[in-house]
């Protein structure tokens, strides 16, 4: 299973990737913003899951989610948003844009695992 991790913080990308490796996922890609993530998605076949931050330069996570959901081949792709934006309004906005699950930073590896299992 190929997972794309998108966050402008290299530390957060490393934390997410290390957690994914610990729970058995090894085919991981990463990008530091939505524009680079979209570029990777256009060039790479078989990305199964998108895990993205909200606040990033170039193209933020919400813009990325909307772009991904507008593409028919990605309409069923599970998307998890991992962000500091924990308000009810933000969660509803993200879900309406097409996010399948939502994690507020900081989080534990167990939370990431549970949210990932919930979308699979």
PDB file of N, CA and C in Angstrom:
ATOM      1  N   UNK A   1       0.839  -1.178   0.000  1.00  0.00           N
ATOM      2  CA  UNK A   1       0.000   0.000   0.000  1.00  0.00           C
ATOM      3  C   UNK A   1       0.889   1.247   0.000  1.00  0.00           C
ATOM      4  N   UNK A   2       0.656   2.122  -0.966  1.00  0.00           N
ATOM      5  CA  UNK A   2       1.466   3.332  -1.117  1.00  0.00           C
ATOM      6  C   UNK A   2       0.770   4.516  -0.443  1.00  0.00           C
ATOM      7  N   UNK A   3       1.497   5.178   0.461  1.00  0.00           N
ATOM      8  CA  UNK A   3       0.941   6.298   1.221  1.00  0.00           C
ATOM      9  C   UNK A   3       1.765   7.552   0.955  1.00  0.00           C
ATOM     10  N   UNK A   4       1.073   8.654   0.648  1.00  0.00           N
ATOM     11  CA  UNK A   4       1.725   9.946   0.441  1.00  0.00           C
ATOM     12  C   UNK A   4       1.488  10.810   1.681  1.00  0.00           C
ATOM     13  N   UNK A   5       2.600  11.240   2.306  1.00  0.00           N
ATOM     14  CA  UNK A   5       2.558  12.068   3.518  1.00  0.00           C
ATOM     15  C   UNK A   5       2.949  13.489   3.127  1.00  0.00           C
ATOM     16  N   UNK A   6       2.063  14.454   3.416  1.00  0.00           N
ATOM     17  CA  UNK A   6       2.287  15.847   3.011  1.00  0.00           C
ATOM     18  C   UNK A   6       2.248  16.760   4.236  1.00  0.00           C
ATOM     19  N   UNK A   7       3.376  17.422   4.508  1.00  0.00           N
ATOM     20  CA  UNK A   7       3.450  18.374   5.622  1.00  0.00           C
ATOM     21  C   UNK A   7       4.656  19.265   5.371  1.00  0.00           C
ATOM     22  N   UNK A   8       4.527  20.557   5.649  1.00  0.00           N
ATOM     23  CA  UNK A   8       5.651  21.459   5.427  1.00  0.00           C
ATOM     24  C   UNK A   8       6.733  21.301   6.495  1.00  0.00           C
ATOM     25  N   UNK A   9       6.435  20.600   7.572  1.00  0.00           N
ATOM     26  CA  UNK A   9       7.421  20.338   8.621  1.00  0.00           C
ATOM     27  C   UNK A   9       8.091  18.988   8.368  1.00  0.00           C
ATOM     28  N   UNK A  10       9.403  19.014   8.134  1.00  0.00           N
ATOM     29  CA  UNK A  10      10.124  17.757   7.911  1.00  0.00           C
ATOM     30  C   UNK A  10      10.065  16.876   9.160  1.00  0.00           C
ATOM     31  N   UNK A  11      10.036  17.499  10.327  1.00  0.00           N
ATOM     32  CA  UNK A  11       9.934  16.739  11.578  1.00  0.00           C
ATOM     33  C   UNK A  11       8.605  15.998  11.649  1.00  0.00           C
ATOM     34  N   UNK A  12       7.514  16.680  11.302  1.00  0.00           N
ATOM     35  CA  UNK A  12       6.201  16.038  11.335  1.00  0.00           C
ATOM     36  C   UNK A  12       6.110  14.922  10.291  1.00  0.00           C
ATOM     37  N   UNK A  13       6.679  15.143   9.107  1.00  0.00           N
ATOM     38  CA  UNK A  13       6.688  14.077   8.092  1.00  0.00           C
ATOM     39  C   UNK A  13       7.421  12.854   8.629  1.00  0.00           C
ATOM     40  N   UNK A  14       8.552  13.087   9.299  1.00  0.00           N
ATOM     41  CA  UNK A  14       9.347  11.982   9.844  1.00  0.00           C
ATOM     42  C   UNK A  14       8.555  11.246  10.937  1.00  0.00           C
ATOM     43  N   UNK A  15       7.877  11.975  11.809  1.00  0.00           N
ATOM     44  CA  UNK A  15       7.074  11.357  12.866  1.00  0.00           C
ATOM     45  C   UNK A  15       5.977  10.476  12.258  1.00  0.00           C
ATOM     46  N   UNK A  16       5.264  11.018  11.290  1.00  0.00           N
ATOM     47  CA  UNK A  16       4.177  10.265  10.642  1.00  0.00           C
ATOM     48  C   UNK A  16       4.741   9.033   9.940  1.00  0.00           C
ATOM     49  N   UNK A  17       5.828   9.225   9.180  1.00  0.00           N
ATOM     50  CA  UNK A  17       6.418   8.094   8.451  1.00  0.00           C
ATOM     51  C   UNK A  17       6.944   7.020   9.400  1.00  0.00           C
ATOM     52  N   UNK A  18       7.601   7.419  10.487  1.00  0.00           N
ATOM     53  CA  UNK A  18       8.101   6.438  11.458  1.00  0.00           C
ATOM     54  C   UNK A  18       6.953   5.652  12.076  1.00  0.00           C
ATOM     55  N   UNK A  19       5.854   6.335  12.375  1.00  0.00           N
ATOM     56  CA  UNK A  19       4.677   5.669  12.924  1.00  0.00           C
ATOM     57  C   UNK A  19       4.107   4.676  11.913  1.00  0.00           C
ATOM     58  N   UNK A  20       4.013   5.091  10.658  1.00  0.00           N
ATOM     59  CA  UNK A  20       3.488   4.199   9.614  1.00  0.00           C
ATOM     60  C   UNK A  20       4.364   2.964   9.441  1.00  0.00           C
ATOM     61  N   UNK A  21       5.679   3.145   9.487  1.00  0.00           N
ATOM     62  CA  UNK A  21       6.605   2.013   9.368  1.00  0.00           C
ATOM     63  C   UNK A  21       6.398   1.043  10.537  1.00  0.00           C
ATOM     64  N   UNK A  22       6.238   1.576  11.744  1.00  0.00           N
ATOM     65  CA  UNK A  22       6.043   0.737  12.938  1.00  0.00           C
ATOM     66  C   UNK A  22       4.778  -0.099  12.849  1.00  0.00           C
ATOM     67  N   UNK A  23       3.760   0.412  12.159  1.00  0.00           N
ATOM     68  CA  UNK A  23       2.510  -0.360  12.049  1.00  0.00           C
ATOM     69  C   UNK A  23       2.444  -1.141  10.734  1.00  0.00           C
ATOM     70  N   UNK A  24       3.576  -1.220  10.028  1.00  0.00           N
ATOM     71  CA  UNK A  24       3.677  -2.133   8.894  1.00  0.00           C
ATOM     72  C   UNK A  24       3.613  -1.538   7.505  1.00  0.00           C
ATOM     73  N   UNK A  25       3.608  -0.230   7.376  1.00  0.00           N
ATOM     74  CA  UNK A  25       3.554   0.386   6.054  1.00  0.00           C
ATOM     75  C   UNK A  25       4.952   0.854   5.653  1.00  0.00           C
ATOM     76  N   UNK A  26       5.422   0.376   4.495  1.00  0.00           N
ATOM     77  CA  UNK A  26       6.786   0.699   4.109  1.00  0.00           C
ATOM     78  C   UNK A  26       6.892   1.487   2.803  1.00  0.00           C
ATOM     79  N   UNK A  27       5.830   1.472   2.002  1.00  0.00           N
ATOM     80  CA  UNK A  27       5.859   2.158   0.704  1.00  0.00           C
ATOM     81  C   UNK A  27       5.347   3.586   0.900  1.00  0.00           C
ATOM     82  N   UNK A  28       6.262   4.487   1.292  1.00  0.00           N
ATOM     83  CA  UNK A  28       5.876   5.838   1.670  1.00  0.00           C
ATOM     84  C   UNK A  28       6.517   6.890   0.778  1.00  0.00           C
ATOM     85  N   UNK A  29       5.728   7.871   0.406  1.00  0.00           N
ATOM     86  CA  UNK A  29       6.215   9.028  -0.352  1.00  0.00           C
ATOM     87  C   UNK A  29       5.966  10.258   0.506  1.00  0.00           C
ATOM     88  N   UNK A  30       6.695  11.345   0.232  1.00  0.00           N
ATOM     89  CA  UNK A  30       6.474  12.558   1.006  1.00  0.00           C
ATOM     90  C   UNK A  30       6.616  13.798   0.148  1.00  0.00           C
ATOM     91  N   UNK A  31       5.935  14.848   0.610  1.00  0.00           N
ATOM     92  CA  UNK A  31       5.997  16.153  -0.058  1.00  0.00           C
ATOM     93  C   UNK A  31       5.851  17.230   1.005  1.00  0.00           C
ATOM     94  N   UNK A  32       6.466  18.414   0.743  1.00  0.00           N
ATOM     95  CA  UNK A  32       6.422  19.482   1.744  1.00  0.00           C
ATOM     96  C   UNK A  32       5.303  20.492   1.537  1.00  0.00           C
ATOM     97  N   UNK A  33       4.525  20.343   0.467  1.00  0.00           N
ATOM     98  CA  UNK A  33       3.350  21.196   0.298  1.00  0.00           C
ATOM     99  C   UNK A  33       2.398  20.545  -0.700  1.00  0.00           C
ATOM    100  N   UNK A  34       1.206  21.122  -0.797  1.00  0.00           N
ATOM    101  CA  UNK A  34       0.182  20.544  -1.660  1.00  0.00           C
ATOM    102  C   UNK A  34       0.548  20.532  -3.135  1.00  0.00           C
ATOM    103  N   UNK A  35       1.256  21.574  -3.598  1.00  0.00           N
ATOM    104  CA  UNK A  35       1.649  21.638  -5.013  1.00  0.00           C
ATOM    105  C   UNK A  35       2.599  20.492  -5.361  1.00  0.00           C
ATOM    106  N   UNK A  36       3.580  20.253  -4.482  1.00  0.00           N
ATOM    107  CA  UNK A  36       4.529  19.157  -4.730  1.00  0.00           C
ATOM    108  C   UNK A  36       3.820  17.806  -4.623  1.00  0.00           C
ATOM    109  N   UNK A  37       2.892  17.703  -3.684  1.00  0.00           N
ATOM    110  CA  UNK A  37       2.122  16.468  -3.533  1.00  0.00           C
ATOM    111  C   UNK A  37       1.311  16.186  -4.796  1.00  0.00           C
ATOM    112  N   UNK A  38       0.658  17.205  -5.323  1.00  0.00           N
ATOM    113  CA  UNK A  38      -0.138  17.043  -6.533  1.00  0.00           C
ATOM    114  C   UNK A  38       0.746  16.610  -7.695  1.00  0.00           C
ATOM    115  N   UNK A  39       1.927  17.191  -7.781  1.00  0.00           N
ATOM    116  CA  UNK A  39       2.886  16.819  -8.819  1.00  0.00           C
ATOM    117  C   UNK A  39       3.266  15.340  -8.695  1.00  0.00           C
ATOM    118  N   UNK A  40       3.533  14.884  -7.475  1.00  0.00           N
ATOM    119  CA  UNK A  40       3.860  13.474  -7.237  1.00  0.00           C
ATOM    120  C   UNK A  40       2.686  12.590  -7.642  1.00  0.00           C
ATOM    121  N   UNK A  41       1.475  13.010  -7.301  1.00  0.00           N
ATOM    122  CA  UNK A  41       0.298  12.210  -7.631  1.00  0.00           C
ATOM    123  C   UNK A  41       0.098  12.088  -9.138  1.00  0.00           C
ATOM    124  N   UNK A  42       0.482  13.105  -9.889  1.00  0.00           N
ATOM    125  CA  UNK A  42       0.344  13.055 -11.342  1.00  0.00           C
ATOM    126  C   UNK A  42       1.379  12.127 -11.975  1.00  0.00           C
ATOM    127  N   UNK A  43       2.513  11.971 -11.330  1.00  0.00           N
ATOM    128  CA  UNK A  43       3.618  11.178 -11.888  1.00  0.00           C
ATOM    129  C   UNK A  43       3.700   9.756 -11.349  1.00  0.00           C
ATOM    130  N   UNK A  44       3.006   9.474 -10.253  1.00  0.00           N
ATOM    131  CA  UNK A  44       3.151   8.192  -9.567  1.00  0.00           C
ATOM    132  C   UNK A  44       1.842   7.423  -9.596  1.00  0.00           C
ATOM    133  N   UNK A  45       1.911   6.207 -10.084  1.00  0.00           N
ATOM    134  CA  UNK A  45       0.725   5.347 -10.111  1.00  0.00           C
ATOM    135  C   UNK A  45       0.550   4.646  -8.771  1.00  0.00           C
ATOM    136  N   UNK A  46      -0.675   4.396  -8.413  1.00  0.00           N
ATOM    137  CA  UNK A  46      -0.972   3.518  -7.292  1.00  0.00           C
ATOM    138  C   UNK A  46      -0.846   4.108  -5.908  1.00  0.00           C
ATOM    139  N   UNK A  47      -0.991   5.416  -5.755  1.00  0.00           N
ATOM    140  CA  UNK A  47      -1.013   5.980  -4.409  1.00  0.00           C
ATOM    141  C   UNK A  47      -2.366   5.627  -3.809  1.00  0.00           C
ATOM    142  N   UNK A  48      -2.330   4.966  -2.651  1.00  0.00           N
ATOM    143  CA  UNK A  48      -3.555   4.434  -2.061  1.00  0.00           C
ATOM    144  C   UNK A  48      -4.179   5.349  -1.019  1.00  0.00           C
ATOM    145  N   UNK A  49      -3.321   6.082  -0.278  1.00  0.00           N
ATOM    146  CA  UNK A  49      -3.811   6.919   0.817  1.00  0.00           C
ATOM    147  C   UNK A  49      -3.049   8.241   0.812  1.00  0.00           C
ATOM    148  N   UNK A  50      -3.763   9.318   1.140  1.00  0.00           N
ATOM    149  CA  UNK A  50      -3.155  10.638   1.276  1.00  0.00           C
ATOM    150  C   UNK A  50      -3.308  11.088   2.725  1.00  0.00           C
ATOM    151  N   UNK A  51      -2.177  11.433   3.353  1.00  0.00           N
ATOM    152  CA  UNK A  51      -2.186  12.001   4.705  1.00  0.00           C
ATOM    153  C   UNK A  51      -1.602  13.395   4.570  1.00  0.00           C
ATOM    154  N   UNK A  52      -2.406  14.418   4.859  1.00  0.00           N
ATOM    155  CA  UNK A  52      -1.951  15.782   4.609  1.00  0.00           C
ATOM    156  C   UNK A  52      -2.201  16.732   5.773  1.00  0.00           C
ATOM    157  N   UNK A  53      -1.295  17.679   5.908  1.00  0.00           N
ATOM    158  CA  UNK A  53      -1.444  18.795   6.831  1.00  0.00           C
ATOM    159  C   UNK A  53      -2.411  19.789   6.187  1.00  0.00           C
ATOM    160  N   UNK A  54      -2.895  20.741   6.950  1.00  0.00           N
ATOM    161  CA  UNK A  54      -3.756  21.799   6.412  1.00  0.00           C
ATOM    162  C   UNK A  54      -2.923  23.011   6.014  1.00  0.00           C
ATOM    163  N   UNK A  55      -2.178  23.566   6.981  1.00  0.00           N
ATOM    164  CA  UNK A  55      -1.451  24.819   6.770  1.00  0.00           C
ATOM    165  C   UNK A  55      -0.077  24.579   6.149  1.00  0.00           C
ATOM    166  N   UNK A  56       0.030  24.908   4.867  1.00  0.00           N
ATOM    167  CA  UNK A  56       1.291  24.750   4.140  1.00  0.00           C
ATOM    168  C   UNK A  56       1.394  25.871   3.104  1.00  0.00           C
ATOM    169  N   UNK A  57       2.625  26.213   2.700  1.00  0.00           N
ATOM    170  CA  UNK A  57       2.784  27.212   1.638  1.00  0.00           C
ATOM    171  C   UNK A  57       2.407  26.620   0.271  1.00  0.00           C
ATOM    172  N   UNK A  58       2.446  27.451  -0.746  1.00  0.00           N
ATOM    173  CA  UNK A  58       2.142  27.052  -2.136  1.00  0.00           C
ATOM    174  C   UNK A  58       0.675  26.648  -2.294  1.00  0.00           C
ATOM    175  N   UNK A  59       0.356  25.422  -1.886  1.00  0.00           N
ATOM    176  CA  UNK A  59      -1.024  24.922  -1.925  1.00  0.00           C
ATOM    177  C   UNK A  59      -1.288  24.274  -0.573  1.00  0.00           C
ATOM    178  N   UNK A  60      -2.279  24.772   0.168  1.00  0.00           N
ATOM    179  CA  UNK A  60      -2.535  24.180   1.487  1.00  0.00           C
ATOM    180  C   UNK A  60      -3.273  22.848   1.362  1.00  0.00           C
ATOM    181  N   UNK A  61      -3.425  22.179   2.487  1.00  0.00           N
ATOM    182  CA  UNK A  61      -4.034  20.862   2.489  1.00  0.00           C
ATOM    183  C   UNK A  61      -5.480  20.845   2.026  1.00  0.00           C
ATOM    184  N   UNK A  62      -6.236  21.870   2.380  1.00  0.00           N
ATOM    185  CA  UNK A  62      -7.629  21.932   1.966  1.00  0.00           C
ATOM    186  C   UNK A  62      -7.725  22.084   0.443  1.00  0.00           C
ATOM    187  N   UNK A  63      -6.876  22.926  -0.123  1.00  0.00           N
ATOM    188  CA  UNK A  63      -6.844  23.092  -1.585  1.00  0.00           C
ATOM    189  C   UNK A  63      -6.444  21.778  -2.256  1.00  0.00           C
ATOM    190  N   UNK A  64      -5.480  21.071  -1.657  1.00  0.00           N
ATOM    191  CA  UNK A  64      -5.051  19.781  -2.197  1.00  0.00           C
ATOM    192  C   UNK A  64      -6.201  18.781  -2.171  1.00  0.00           C
ATOM    193  N   UNK A  65      -6.905  18.713  -1.062  1.00  0.00           N
ATOM    194  CA  UNK A  65      -8.031  17.784  -0.936  1.00  0.00           C
ATOM    195  C   UNK A  65      -9.079  18.069  -2.009  1.00  0.00           C
ATOM    196  N   UNK A  66      -9.413  19.334  -2.200  1.00  0.00           N
ATOM    197  CA  UNK A  66     -10.411  19.696  -3.217  1.00  0.00           C
ATOM    198  C   UNK A  66      -9.946  19.311  -4.615  1.00  0.00           C
ATOM    199  N   UNK A  67      -8.660  19.514  -4.898  1.00  0.00           N
ATOM    200  CA  UNK A  67      -8.102  19.172  -6.207  1.00  0.00           C
ATOM    201  C   UNK A  67      -8.127  17.657  -6.423  1.00  0.00           C
ATOM    202  N   UNK A  68      -7.754  16.917  -5.382  1.00  0.00           N
ATOM    203  CA  UNK A  68      -7.761  15.451  -5.457  1.00  0.00           C
ATOM    204  C   UNK A  68      -9.179  14.939  -5.670  1.00  0.00           C
ATOM    205  N   UNK A  69     -10.124  15.462  -4.913  1.00  0.00           N
ATOM    206  CA  UNK A  69     -11.515  15.000  -5.019  1.00  0.00           C
ATOM    207  C   UNK A  69     -12.156  15.379  -6.365  1.00  0.00           C
ATOM    208  N   UNK A  70     -11.646  16.391  -7.026  1.00  0.00           N
ATOM    209  CA  UNK A  70     -12.182  16.791  -8.332  1.00  0.00           C
ATOM    210  C   UNK A  70     -11.724  15.842  -9.438  1.00  0.00           C
ATOM    211  N   UNK A  71     -10.759  15.009  -9.150  1.00  0.00           N
ATOM    212  CA  UNK A  71     -10.187  14.069 -10.124  1.00  0.00           C
ATOM    213  C   UNK A  71     -10.884  12.714  -9.940  1.00  0.00           C
ATOM    214  N   UNK A  72     -11.630  12.249 -10.960  1.00  0.00           N
ATOM    215  CA  UNK A  72     -12.400  11.006 -10.810  1.00  0.00           C
ATOM    216  C   UNK A  72     -11.584   9.798 -10.327  1.00  0.00           C
ATOM    217  N   UNK A  73     -10.329   9.678 -10.748  1.00  0.00           N
ATOM    218  CA  UNK A  73      -9.552   8.493 -10.348  1.00  0.00           C
ATOM    219  C   UNK A  73      -9.202   8.492  -8.867  1.00  0.00           C
ATOM    220  N   UNK A  74      -9.366   9.626  -8.192  1.00  0.00           N
ATOM    221  CA  UNK A  74      -9.057   9.713  -6.761  1.00  0.00           C
ATOM    222  C   UNK A  74     -10.297   9.827  -5.877  1.00  0.00           C
ATOM    223  N   UNK A  75     -11.494   9.698  -6.467  1.00  0.00           N
ATOM    224  CA  UNK A  75     -12.708   9.954  -5.692  1.00  0.00           C
ATOM    225  C   UNK A  75     -12.878   9.011  -4.505  1.00  0.00           C
ATOM    226  N   UNK A  76     -12.302   7.809  -4.569  1.00  0.00           N
ATOM    227  CA  UNK A  76     -12.441   6.850  -3.471  1.00  0.00           C
ATOM    228  C   UNK A  76     -11.186   6.752  -2.605  1.00  0.00           C
ATOM    229  N   UNK A  77     -10.156   7.538  -2.909  1.00  0.00           N
ATOM    230  CA  UNK A  77      -8.915   7.482  -2.144  1.00  0.00           C
ATOM    231  C   UNK A  77      -9.147   7.987  -0.721  1.00  0.00           C
ATOM    232  N   UNK A  78      -8.748   7.194   0.287  1.00  0.00           N
ATOM    233  CA  UNK A  78      -8.862   7.682   1.665  1.00  0.00           C
ATOM    234  C   UNK A  78      -7.914   8.868   1.894  1.00  0.00           C
ATOM    235  N   UNK A  79      -8.434   9.918   2.518  1.00  0.00           N
ATOM    236  CA  UNK A  79      -7.634  11.099   2.848  1.00  0.00           C
ATOM    237  C   UNK A  79      -7.776  11.376   4.336  1.00  0.00           C
ATOM    238  N   UNK A  80      -6.632  11.478   5.011  1.00  0.00           N
ATOM    239  CA  UNK A  80      -6.610  11.828   6.425  1.00  0.00           C
ATOM    240  C   UNK A  80      -5.911  13.171   6.561  1.00  0.00           C
ATOM    241  N   UNK A  81      -6.541  14.106   7.252  1.00  0.00           N
ATOM    242  CA  UNK A  81      -5.917  15.404   7.500  1.00  0.00           C
ATOM    243  C   UNK A  81      -5.354  15.392   8.915  1.00  0.00           C
ATOM    244  N   UNK A  82      -4.069  15.750   9.028  1.00  0.00           N
ATOM    245  CA  UNK A  82      -3.381  15.831  10.314  1.00  0.00           C
ATOM    246  C   UNK A  82      -2.976  17.288  10.489  1.00  0.00           C
ATOM    247  N   UNK A  83      -3.575  17.983  11.458  1.00  0.00           N
ATOM    248  CA  UNK A  83      -3.396  19.428  11.537  1.00  0.00           C
ATOM    249  C   UNK A  83      -3.548  19.975  12.955  1.00  0.00           C
ATOM    250  N   UNK A  84      -3.106  21.186  13.154  1.00  0.00           N
ATOM    251  CA  UNK A  84      -3.317  21.875  14.430  1.00  0.00           C
ATOM    252  C   UNK A  84      -4.703  22.522  14.466  1.00  0.00           C
ATOM    253  N   UNK A  85      -5.366  22.587  13.318  1.00  0.00           N
ATOM    254  CA  UNK A  85      -6.703  23.203  13.219  1.00  0.00           C
ATOM    255  C   UNK A  85      -7.739  22.264  13.824  1.00  0.00           C
ATOM    256  N   UNK A  86      -8.046  22.463  15.110  1.00  0.00           N
ATOM    257  CA  UNK A  86      -8.923  21.528  15.793  1.00  0.00           C
ATOM    258  C   UNK A  86     -10.327  22.022  16.071  1.00  0.00           C
ATOM    259  N   UNK A  87     -10.661  23.202  15.572  1.00  0.00           N
ATOM    260  CA  UNK A  87     -11.993  23.739  15.808  1.00  0.00           C
ATOM    261  C   UNK A  87     -13.070  22.989  15.041  1.00  0.00           C
ATOM    262  N   UNK A  88     -14.281  23.010  15.564  1.00  0.00           N
ATOM    263  CA  UNK A  88     -15.411  22.315  14.935  1.00  0.00           C
ATOM    264  C   UNK A  88     -15.634  22.809  13.499  1.00  0.00           C
ATOM    265  N   UNK A  89     -15.516  24.109  13.288  1.00  0.00           N
ATOM    266  CA  UNK A  89     -15.715  24.681  11.947  1.00  0.00           C
ATOM    267  C   UNK A  89     -14.701  24.125  10.959  1.00  0.00           C
ATOM    268  N   UNK A  90     -13.434  24.024  11.391  1.00  0.00           N
ATOM    269  CA  UNK A  90     -12.382  23.515  10.512  1.00  0.00           C
ATOM    270  C   UNK A  90     -12.615  22.041  10.172  1.00  0.00           C
ATOM    271  N   UNK A  91     -12.989  21.268  11.185  1.00  0.00           N
ATOM    272  CA  UNK A  91     -13.248  19.840  10.956  1.00  0.00           C
ATOM    273  C   UNK A  91     -14.383  19.672   9.946  1.00  0.00           C
ATOM    274  N   UNK A  92     -15.462  20.419  10.122  1.00  0.00           N
ATOM    275  CA  UNK A  92     -16.605  20.338   9.199  1.00  0.00           C
ATOM    276  C   UNK A  92     -16.191  20.769   7.792  1.00  0.00           C
ATOM    277  N   UNK A  93     -15.413  21.840   7.687  1.00  0.00           N
ATOM    278  CA  UNK A  93     -14.924  22.316   6.382  1.00  0.00           C
ATOM    279  C   UNK A  93     -14.112  21.228   5.685  1.00  0.00           C
ATOM    280  N   UNK A  94     -13.222  20.593   6.434  1.00  0.00           N
ATOM    281  CA  UNK A  94     -12.377  19.537   5.856  1.00  0.00           C
ATOM    282  C   UNK A  94     -13.207  18.337   5.417  1.00  0.00           C
ATOM    283  N   UNK A  95     -14.152  17.940   6.251  1.00  0.00           N
ATOM    284  CA  UNK A  95     -15.002  16.795   5.898  1.00  0.00           C
ATOM    285  C   UNK A  95     -15.842  17.095   4.660  1.00  0.00           C
ATOM    286  N   UNK A  96     -16.362  18.309   4.566  1.00  0.00           N
ATOM    287  CA  UNK A  96     -17.150  18.697   3.389  1.00  0.00           C
ATOM    288  C   UNK A  96     -16.291  18.711   2.128  1.00  0.00           C
ATOM    289  N   UNK A  97     -14.997  19.023   2.279  1.00  0.00           N
ATOM    290  CA  UNK A  97     -14.082  19.054   1.128  1.00  0.00           C
ATOM    291  C   UNK A  97     -13.725  17.650   0.659  1.00  0.00           C
ATOM    292  N   UNK A  98     -13.957  16.648   1.515  1.00  0.00           N
ATOM    293  CA  UNK A  98     -13.705  15.274   1.094  1.00  0.00           C
ATOM    294  C   UNK A  98     -12.724  14.493   1.944  1.00  0.00           C
ATOM    295  N   UNK A  99     -12.344  15.030   3.094  1.00  0.00           N
ATOM    296  CA  UNK A  99     -11.455  14.307   3.998  1.00  0.00           C
ATOM    297  C   UNK A  99     -12.243  13.165   4.644  1.00  0.00           C
ATOM    298  N   UNK A 100     -11.628  11.977   4.742  1.00  0.00           N
ATOM    299  CA  UNK A 100     -12.294  10.830   5.347  1.00  0.00           C
ATOM    300  C   UNK A 100     -12.112  10.761   6.861  1.00  0.00           C
ATOM    301  N   UNK A 101     -10.977  11.307   7.340  1.00  0.00           N
ATOM    302  CA  UNK A 101     -10.725  11.295   8.767  1.00  0.00           C
ATOM    303  C   UNK A 101      -9.842  12.473   9.126  1.00  0.00           C
ATOM    304  N   UNK A 102      -9.797  12.814  10.402  1.00  0.00           N
ATOM    305  CA  UNK A 102      -9.185  14.067  10.834  1.00  0.00           C
ATOM    306  C   UNK A 102      -8.439  13.825  12.141  1.00  0.00           C
ATOM    307  N   UNK A 103      -7.182  14.234  12.203  1.00  0.00           N
ATOM    308  CA  UNK A 103      -6.361  14.079  13.403  1.00  0.00           C
ATOM    309  C   UNK A 103      -5.829  15.456  13.792  1.00  0.00           C
ATOM    310  N   UNK A 104      -5.996  15.804  15.076  1.00  0.00           N
ATOM    311  CA  UNK A 104      -5.480  17.079  15.560  1.00  0.00           C
ATOM    312  C   UNK A 104      -4.112  16.850  16.214  1.00  0.00           C
ATOM    313  N   UNK A 105      -3.141  17.682  15.789  1.00  0.00           N
ATOM    314  CA  UNK A 105      -1.800  17.615  16.387  1.00  0.00           C
ATOM    315  C   UNK A 105      -1.835  18.273  17.755  1.00  0.00           C
ATOM    316  N   UNK A 106      -1.048  17.816  18.705  1.00  0.00           N
ATOM    317  CA  UNK A 106      -0.218  16.606  18.638  1.00  0.00           C
ATOM    318  C   UNK A 106      -1.095  15.362  18.781  1.00  0.00           C
ATOM    319  N   UNK A 107      -0.587  14.252  18.310  1.00  0.00           N
ATOM    320  CA  UNK A 107      -1.333  12.998  18.354  1.00  0.00           C
ATOM    321  C   UNK A 107      -0.393  11.874  18.756  1.00  0.00           C
ATOM    322  N   UNK A 108      -0.979  10.751  19.148  1.00  0.00           N
ATOM    323  CA  UNK A 108      -0.171   9.581  19.501  1.00  0.00           C
ATOM    324  C   UNK A 108      -0.136   8.625  18.307  1.00  0.00           C
ATOM    325  N   UNK A 109       0.878   7.759  18.259  1.00  0.00           N
ATOM    326  CA  UNK A 109       0.907   6.753  17.185  1.00  0.00           C
ATOM    327  C   UNK A 109      -0.364   5.913  17.146  1.00  0.00           C
ATOM    328  N   UNK A 110      -0.938   5.639  18.322  1.00  0.00           N
ATOM    329  CA  UNK A 110      -2.169   4.846  18.382  1.00  0.00           C
ATOM    330  C   UNK A 110      -3.323   5.551  17.662  1.00  0.00           C
ATOM    331  N   UNK A 111      -3.419   6.879  17.819  1.00  0.00           N
ATOM    332  CA  UNK A 111      -4.477   7.636  17.149  1.00  0.00           C
ATOM    333  C   UNK A 111      -4.318   7.527  15.632  1.00  0.00           C
ATOM    334  N   UNK A 112      -3.084   7.695  15.142  1.00  0.00           N
ATOM    335  CA  UNK A 112      -2.845   7.585  13.703  1.00  0.00           C
ATOM    336  C   UNK A 112      -3.225   6.206  13.206  1.00  0.00           C
ATOM    337  N   UNK A 113      -2.836   5.174  13.942  1.00  0.00           N
ATOM    338  CA  UNK A 113      -3.168   3.809  13.547  1.00  0.00           C
ATOM    339  C   UNK A 113      -4.681   3.592  13.506  1.00  0.00           C
ATOM    340  N   UNK A 114      -5.388   4.069  14.528  1.00  0.00           N
ATOM    341  CA  UNK A 114      -6.844   3.901  14.575  1.00  0.00           C
ATOM    342  C   UNK A 114      -7.536   4.623  13.429  1.00  0.00           C
ATOM    343  N   UNK A 115      -7.103   5.842  13.151  1.00  0.00           N
ATOM    344  CA  UNK A 115      -7.719   6.629  12.069  1.00  0.00           C
ATOM    345  C   UNK A 115      -7.432   5.980  10.716  1.00  0.00           C
ATOM    346  N   UNK A 116      -6.225   5.455  10.556  1.00  0.00           N
ATOM    347  CA  UNK A 116      -5.849   4.786   9.312  1.00  0.00           C
ATOM    348  C   UNK A 116      -6.696   3.519   9.110  1.00  0.00           C
ATOM    349  N   UNK A 117      -6.819   2.720  10.169  1.00  0.00           N
ATOM    350  CA  UNK A 117      -7.626   1.501  10.083  1.00  0.00           C
ATOM    351  C   UNK A 117      -9.080   1.832   9.786  1.00  0.00           C
ATOM    352  N   UNK A 118      -9.563   2.965  10.297  1.00  0.00           N
ATOM    353  CA  UNK A 118     -10.962   3.346  10.087  1.00  0.00           C
ATOM    354  C   UNK A 118     -11.259   3.670   8.624  1.00  0.00           C
ATOM    355  N   UNK A 119     -10.276   4.160   7.876  1.00  0.00           N
ATOM    356  CA  UNK A 119     -10.535   4.520   6.476  1.00  0.00           C
ATOM    357  C   UNK A 119     -10.227   3.385   5.508  1.00  0.00           C
ATOM    358  N   UNK A 120      -9.614   2.318   6.000  1.00  0.00           N
ATOM    359  CA  UNK A 120      -9.267   1.195   5.114  1.00  0.00           C
ATOM    360  C   UNK A 120     -10.364   0.153   5.037  1.00  0.00           C
TER     361      UNK A 120
END
